Every structure is written in structure tokens, then in C-alpha cells.
Amino acid sequence: MNWDRIAGNWKQMKGALKERWGKLTDDELDQLSGQRDKLVGKIQERYGCAKDDADKQVREWENRQT
């Protein structure tokens, strides 16, 4: 699934995001508003991982959303 579709369906995708990254709060997901780069940054912050690792996690999650 491409990111435009994810961003367009952000409210519906929040459940899947919370399932994958449970440390992210509803408020944080609302603030991200479907912006991929902000999601990567928030994952880095919450999980203490490198940007490349967070980006890889998001990419893998995107691919499973098809």
C-alpha cells in the first residue's frame, strides 16, 4: 500500500499502527496526521532506535498493509 492511501485513511490505520507500535499514544498518532517522516521520528523517540531501523520498520509495516 502506498503512503498516500495510508495517509488518506489515517483514522482507520491508527488501530493497525497501535497494534504494531503500542507505545505510541492516540494523541501522538493524531498529531502525526499521516506524515510518514514524523511517524519514523516518533518511533525513534519511543523505542530508542536509529532512524534507519525505524524507517525499515515502517517500510515493512507498509508492505504488510496491502
PDB file of N, CA and C in Angstrom:
ATOM      1  N   MET A   1       0.853  -1.172   0.000  1.00  0.00           N
ATOM      2  CA  MET A   1       0.000   0.000   0.000  1.00  0.00           C
ATOM      3  C   MET A   1       0.895   1.230   0.000  1.00  0.00           C
ATOM      4  N   ASN A   2       0.570   2.184  -0.822  1.00  0.00           N
ATOM      5  CA  ASN A   2       1.413   3.371  -0.843  1.00  0.00           C
ATOM      6  C   ASN A   2       1.027   4.318   0.291  1.00  0.00           C
ATOM      7  N   TRP A   3       1.953   5.187   0.631  1.00  0.00           N
ATOM      8  CA  TRP A   3       1.754   6.046   1.785  1.00  0.00           C
ATOM      9  C   TRP A   3       0.602   7.024   1.584  1.00  0.00           C
ATOM     10  N   ASP A   4       0.309   7.450   0.377  1.00  0.00           N
ATOM     11  CA  ASP A   4      -0.820   8.353   0.129  1.00  0.00           C
ATOM     12  C   ASP A   4      -2.127   7.725   0.592  1.00  0.00           C
ATOM     13  N   ARG A   5      -2.296   6.433   0.348  1.00  0.00           N
ATOM     14  CA  ARG A   5      -3.510   5.732   0.794  1.00  0.00           C
ATOM     15  C   ARG A   5      -3.538   5.604   2.307  1.00  0.00           C
ATOM     16  N   ILE A   6      -2.389   5.341   2.900  1.00  0.00           N
ATOM     17  CA  ILE A   6      -2.323   5.251   4.358  1.00  0.00           C
ATOM     18  C   ILE A   6      -2.683   6.599   4.972  1.00  0.00           C
ATOM     19  N   ALA A   7      -2.082   7.662   4.467  1.00  0.00           N
ATOM     20  CA  ALA A   7      -2.369   8.998   4.991  1.00  0.00           C
ATOM     21  C   ALA A   7      -3.835   9.361   4.793  1.00  0.00           C
ATOM     22  N   GLY A   8      -4.398   8.996   3.662  1.00  0.00           N
ATOM     23  CA  GLY A   8      -5.793   9.289   3.379  1.00  0.00           C
ATOM     24  C   GLY A   8      -6.758   8.545   4.280  1.00  0.00           C
ATOM     25  N   ASN A   9      -6.334   7.402   4.784  1.00  0.00           N
ATOM     26  CA  ASN A   9      -7.157   6.581   5.678  1.00  0.00           C
ATOM     27  C   ASN A   9      -6.573   6.559   7.087  1.00  0.00           C
ATOM     28  N   TRP A  10      -5.968   7.654   7.484  1.00  0.00           N
ATOM     29  CA  TRP A  10      -5.219   7.703   8.734  1.00  0.00           C
ATOM     30  C   TRP A  10      -6.038   7.244   9.934  1.00  0.00           C
ATOM     31  N   LYS A  11      -7.261   7.715  10.047  1.00  0.00           N
ATOM     32  CA  LYS A  11      -8.072   7.337  11.207  1.00  0.00           C
ATOM     33  C   LYS A  11      -8.294   5.834  11.264  1.00  0.00           C
ATOM     34  N   GLN A  12      -8.491   5.210  10.118  1.00  0.00           N
ATOM     35  CA  GLN A  12      -8.680   3.767  10.077  1.00  0.00           C
ATOM     36  C   GLN A  12      -7.366   3.031  10.332  1.00  0.00           C
ATOM     37  N   MET A  13      -6.261   3.619   9.942  1.00  0.00           N
ATOM     38  CA  MET A  13      -4.962   2.966  10.073  1.00  0.00           C
ATOM     39  C   MET A  13      -4.416   3.061  11.493  1.00  0.00           C
ATOM     40  N   LYS A  14      -4.927   3.984  12.288  1.00  0.00           N
ATOM     41  CA  LYS A  14      -4.398   4.170  13.640  1.00  0.00           C
ATOM     42  C   LYS A  14      -4.466   2.885  14.466  1.00  0.00           C
ATOM     43  N   GLY A  15      -5.507   2.087  14.282  1.00  0.00           N
ATOM     44  CA  GLY A  15      -5.608   0.833  15.015  1.00  0.00           C
ATOM     45  C   GLY A  15      -4.476  -0.117  14.678  1.00  0.00           C
ATOM     46  N   ALA A  16      -4.177  -0.218  13.393  1.00  0.00           N
ATOM     47  CA  ALA A  16      -3.078  -1.089  12.954  1.00  0.00           C
ATOM     48  C   ALA A  16      -1.733  -0.554  13.443  1.00  0.00           C
ATOM     49  N   LEU A  17      -1.600   0.760  13.470  1.00  0.00           N
ATOM     50  CA  LEU A  17      -0.363   1.360  13.967  1.00  0.00           C
ATOM     51  C   LEU A  17      -0.186   1.089  15.453  1.00  0.00           C
ATOM     52  N   LYS A  18      -1.264   1.223  16.218  1.00  0.00           N
ATOM     53  CA  LYS A  18      -1.203   0.965  17.659  1.00  0.00           C
ATOM     54  C   LYS A  18      -0.900  -0.503  17.931  1.00  0.00           C
ATOM     55  N   GLU A  19      -1.409  -1.369  17.075  1.00  0.00           N
ATOM     56  CA  GLU A  19      -1.143  -2.797  17.224  1.00  0.00           C
ATOM     57  C   GLU A  19       0.341  -3.083  17.047  1.00  0.00           C
ATOM     58  N   ARG A  20       0.955  -2.415  16.097  1.00  0.00           N
ATOM     59  CA  ARG A  20       2.380  -2.633  15.794  1.00  0.00           C
ATOM     60  C   ARG A  20       3.289  -1.885  16.760  1.00  0.00           C
ATOM     61  N   TRP A  21       2.949  -0.617  17.064  1.00  0.00           N
ATOM     62  CA  TRP A  21       3.765   0.226  17.933  1.00  0.00           C
ATOM     63  C   TRP A  21       2.910   0.695  19.109  1.00  0.00           C
ATOM     64  N   GLY A  22       2.718  -0.188  20.056  1.00  0.00           N
ATOM     65  CA  GLY A  22       1.829   0.061  21.185  1.00  0.00           C
ATOM     66  C   GLY A  22       2.248   1.179  22.125  1.00  0.00           C
ATOM     67  N   LYS A  23       3.512   1.580  22.063  1.00  0.00           N
ATOM     68  CA  LYS A  23       3.968   2.675  22.926  1.00  0.00           C
ATOM     69  C   LYS A  23       3.488   4.035  22.428  1.00  0.00           C
ATOM     70  N   LEU A  24       3.026   4.104  21.189  1.00  0.00           N
ATOM     71  CA  LEU A  24       2.533   5.374  20.649  1.00  0.00           C
ATOM     72  C   LEU A  24       1.115   5.614  21.153  1.00  0.00           C
ATOM     73  N   THR A  25       0.856   6.809  21.632  1.00  0.00           N
ATOM     74  CA  THR A  25      -0.462   7.133  22.164  1.00  0.00           C
ATOM     75  C   THR A  25      -1.388   7.599  21.043  1.00  0.00           C
ATOM     76  N   ASP A  26      -2.680   7.605  21.344  1.00  0.00           N
ATOM     77  CA  ASP A  26      -3.655   8.117  20.377  1.00  0.00           C
ATOM     78  C   ASP A  26      -3.372   9.577  20.050  1.00  0.00           C
ATOM     79  N   ASP A  27      -3.023  10.358  21.057  1.00  0.00           N
ATOM     80  CA  ASP A  27      -2.713  11.771  20.827  1.00  0.00           C
ATOM     81  C   ASP A  27      -1.518  11.941  19.898  1.00  0.00           C
ATOM     82  N   GLU A  28      -0.498  11.120  20.095  1.00  0.00           N
ATOM     83  CA  GLU A  28       0.679  11.202  19.220  1.00  0.00           C
ATOM     84  C   GLU A  28       0.305  10.837  17.791  1.00  0.00           C
ATOM     85  N   LEU A  29      -0.488   9.789  17.639  1.00  0.00           N
ATOM     86  CA  LEU A  29      -0.896   9.387  16.289  1.00  0.00           C
ATOM     87  C   LEU A  29      -1.751  10.470  15.641  1.00  0.00           C
ATOM     88  N   ASP A  30      -2.598  11.137  16.419  1.00  0.00           N
ATOM     89  CA  ASP A  30      -3.391  12.246  15.878  1.00  0.00           C
ATOM     90  C   ASP A  30      -2.485  13.377  15.406  1.00  0.00           C
ATOM     91  N   GLN A  31      -1.453  13.668  16.175  1.00  0.00           N
ATOM     92  CA  GLN A  31      -0.524  14.746  15.825  1.00  0.00           C
ATOM     93  C   GLN A  31       0.277  14.428  14.562  1.00  0.00           C
ATOM     94  N   LEU A  32       0.531  13.153  14.322  1.00  0.00           N
ATOM     95  CA  LEU A  32       1.306  12.763  13.139  1.00  0.00           C
ATOM     96  C   LEU A  32       0.538  13.018  11.852  1.00  0.00           C
ATOM     97  N   SER A  33      -0.771  12.935  11.920  1.00  0.00           N
ATOM     98  CA  SER A  33      -1.654  13.236  10.784  1.00  0.00           C
ATOM     99  C   SER A  33      -1.230  12.577   9.481  1.00  0.00           C
ATOM    100  N   GLY A  34      -0.762  11.356   9.553  1.00  0.00           N
ATOM    101  CA  GLY A  34      -0.418  10.630   8.334  1.00  0.00           C
ATOM    102  C   GLY A  34       0.921  10.988   7.728  1.00  0.00           C
ATOM    103  N   GLN A  35       1.752  11.714   8.437  1.00  0.00           N
ATOM    104  CA  GLN A  35       3.059  12.104   7.902  1.00  0.00           C
ATOM    105  C   GLN A  35       4.097  11.042   8.252  1.00  0.00           C
ATOM    106  N   ARG A  36       4.584  10.395   7.226  1.00  0.00           N
ATOM    107  CA  ARG A  36       5.483   9.253   7.405  1.00  0.00           C
ATOM    108  C   ARG A  36       6.754   9.633   8.151  1.00  0.00           C
ATOM    109  N   ASP A  37       7.367  10.750   7.787  1.00  0.00           N
ATOM    110  CA  ASP A  37       8.623  11.145   8.417  1.00  0.00           C
ATOM    111  C   ASP A  37       8.438  11.406   9.908  1.00  0.00           C
ATOM    112  N   LYS A  38       7.292  11.951  10.283  1.00  0.00           N
ATOM    113  CA  LYS A  38       7.024  12.180  11.701  1.00  0.00           C
ATOM    114  C   LYS A  38       6.788  10.864  12.433  1.00  0.00           C
ATOM    115  N   LEU A  39       6.161   9.905  11.764  1.00  0.00           N
ATOM    116  CA  LEU A  39       5.972   8.583  12.355  1.00  0.00           C
ATOM    117  C   LEU A  39       7.322   7.935  12.627  1.00  0.00           C
ATOM    118  N   VAL A  40       8.216   8.000  11.674  1.00  0.00           N
ATOM    119  CA  VAL A  40       9.559   7.432  11.842  1.00  0.00           C
ATOM    120  C   VAL A  40      10.254   8.090  13.036  1.00  0.00           C
ATOM    121  N   GLY A  41      10.165   9.405  13.123  1.00  0.00           N
ATOM    122  CA  GLY A  41      10.780  10.134  14.236  1.00  0.00           C
ATOM    123  C   GLY A  41      10.197   9.755  15.580  1.00  0.00           C
ATOM    124  N   LYS A  42       8.882   9.589  15.631  1.00  0.00           N
ATOM    125  CA  LYS A  42       8.220   9.231  16.883  1.00  0.00           C
ATOM    126  C   LYS A  42       8.591   7.809  17.302  1.00  0.00           C
ATOM    127  N   ILE A  43       8.731   6.903  16.346  1.00  0.00           N
ATOM    128  CA  ILE A  43       9.155   5.535  16.654  1.00  0.00           C
ATOM    129  C   ILE A  43      10.582   5.555  17.210  1.00  0.00           C
ATOM    130  N   GLN A  44      11.446   6.357  16.596  1.00  0.00           N
ATOM    131  CA  GLN A  44      12.814   6.510  17.089  1.00  0.00           C
ATOM    132  C   GLN A  44      12.802   6.951  18.546  1.00  0.00           C
ATOM    133  N   GLU A  45      12.009   7.972  18.821  1.00  0.00           N
ATOM    134  CA  GLU A  45      11.938   8.557  20.154  1.00  0.00           C
ATOM    135  C   GLU A  45      11.406   7.555  21.188  1.00  0.00           C
ATOM    136  N   ARG A  46      10.311   6.901  20.878  1.00  0.00           N
ATOM    137  CA  ARG A  46       9.654   5.997  21.831  1.00  0.00           C
ATOM    138  C   ARG A  46      10.410   4.694  22.038  1.00  0.00           C
ATOM    139  N   TYR A  47      11.025   4.188  20.980  1.00  0.00           N
ATOM    140  CA  TYR A  47      11.658   2.873  21.066  1.00  0.00           C
ATOM    141  C   TYR A  47      13.183   2.941  21.143  1.00  0.00           C
ATOM    142  N   GLY A  48      13.741   4.151  21.069  1.00  0.00           N
ATOM    143  CA  GLY A  48      15.182   4.314  21.210  1.00  0.00           C
ATOM    144  C   GLY A  48      15.988   3.612  20.141  1.00  0.00           C
ATOM    145  N   CYS A  49      15.510   3.668  18.910  1.00  0.00           N
ATOM    146  CA  CYS A  49      16.231   3.010  17.815  1.00  0.00           C
ATOM    147  C   CYS A  49      16.758   4.058  16.834  1.00  0.00           C
ATOM    148  N   ALA A  50      17.633   3.627  15.965  1.00  0.00           N
ATOM    149  CA  ALA A  50      18.201   4.509  14.951  1.00  0.00           C
ATOM    150  C   ALA A  50      17.154   4.830  13.880  1.00  0.00           C
ATOM    151  N   LYS A  51      17.366   5.943  13.201  1.00  0.00           N
ATOM    152  CA  LYS A  51      16.433   6.359  12.157  1.00  0.00           C
ATOM    153  C   LYS A  51      16.285   5.295  11.076  1.00  0.00           C
ATOM    154  N   ASP A  52      17.393   4.694  10.673  1.00  0.00           N
ATOM    155  CA  ASP A  52      17.345   3.656   9.637  1.00  0.00           C
ATOM    156  C   ASP A  52      16.501   2.468  10.076  1.00  0.00           C
ATOM    157  N   ASP A  53      16.618   2.092  11.347  1.00  0.00           N
ATOM    158  CA  ASP A  53      15.840   0.972  11.866  1.00  0.00           C
ATOM    159  C   ASP A  53      14.353   1.328  11.912  1.00  0.00           C
ATOM    160  N   ALA A  54      14.042   2.529  12.381  1.00  0.00           N
ATOM    161  CA  ALA A  54      12.641   2.959  12.435  1.00  0.00           C
ATOM    162  C   ALA A  54      12.051   3.034  11.029  1.00  0.00           C
ATOM    163  N   ASP A  55      12.824   3.541  10.081  1.00  0.00           N
ATOM    164  CA  ASP A  55      12.364   3.628   8.696  1.00  0.00           C
ATOM    165  C   ASP A  55      12.108   2.231   8.129  1.00  0.00           C
ATOM    166  N   LYS A  56      12.995   1.299   8.436  1.00  0.00           N
ATOM    167  CA  LYS A  56      12.833  -0.083   7.973  1.00  0.00           C
ATOM    168  C   LYS A  56      11.559  -0.697   8.556  1.00  0.00           C
ATOM    169  N   GLN A  57      11.312  -0.453   9.836  1.00  0.00           N
ATOM    170  CA  GLN A  57      10.100  -0.975  10.467  1.00  0.00           C
ATOM    171  C   GLN A  57       8.845  -0.439   9.783  1.00  0.00           C
ATOM    172  N   VAL A  58       8.839   0.855   9.495  1.00  0.00           N
ATOM    173  CA  VAL A  58       7.673   1.465   8.839  1.00  0.00           C
ATOM    174  C   VAL A  58       7.511   0.896   7.433  1.00  0.00           C
ATOM    175  N   ARG A  59       8.605   0.742   6.714  1.00  0.00           N
ATOM    176  CA  ARG A  59       8.552   0.184   5.359  1.00  0.00           C
ATOM    177  C   ARG A  59       7.974  -1.231   5.372  1.00  0.00           C
ATOM    178  N   GLU A  60       8.439  -2.042   6.320  1.00  0.00           N
ATOM    179  CA  GLU A  60       7.919  -3.406   6.439  1.00  0.00           C
ATOM    180  C   GLU A  60       6.429  -3.406   6.783  1.00  0.00           C
ATOM    181  N   TRP A  61       6.028  -2.510   7.685  1.00  0.00           N
ATOM    182  CA  TRP A  61       4.617  -2.393   8.051  1.00  0.00           C
ATOM    183  C   TRP A  61       3.775  -1.975   6.843  1.00  0.00           C
ATOM    184  N   GLU A  62       4.287  -0.990   6.082  1.00  0.00           N
ATOM    185  CA  GLU A  62       3.588  -0.537   4.863  1.00  0.00           C
ATOM    186  C   GLU A  62       3.329  -1.710   3.923  1.00  0.00           C
ATOM    187  N   ASN A  63       4.356  -2.530   3.715  1.00  0.00           N
ATOM    188  CA  ASN A  63       4.249  -3.647   2.774  1.00  0.00           C
ATOM    189  C   ASN A  63       3.220  -4.680   3.212  1.00  0.00           C
ATOM    190  N   ARG A  64       2.997  -4.797   4.516  1.00  0.00           N
ATOM    191  CA  ARG A  64       2.007  -5.746   5.024  1.00  0.00           C
ATOM    192  C   ARG A  64       0.578  -5.196   4.949  1.00  0.00           C
ATOM    193  N   GLN A  65       0.427  -3.926   4.638  1.00  0.00           N
ATOM    194  CA  GLN A  65      -0.889  -3.298   4.615  1.00  0.00           C
ATOM    195  C   GLN A  65      -1.583  -3.445   3.259  1.00  0.00           C
ATOM    196  N   THR A  66      -1.052  -4.242   2.363  1.00  0.00           N
ATOM    197  CA  THR A  66      -1.640  -4.402   1.035  1.00  0.00           C
ATOM    198  C   THR A  66      -2.856  -5.309   1.047  1.00  0.00           C
TER     199      THR A  66
END
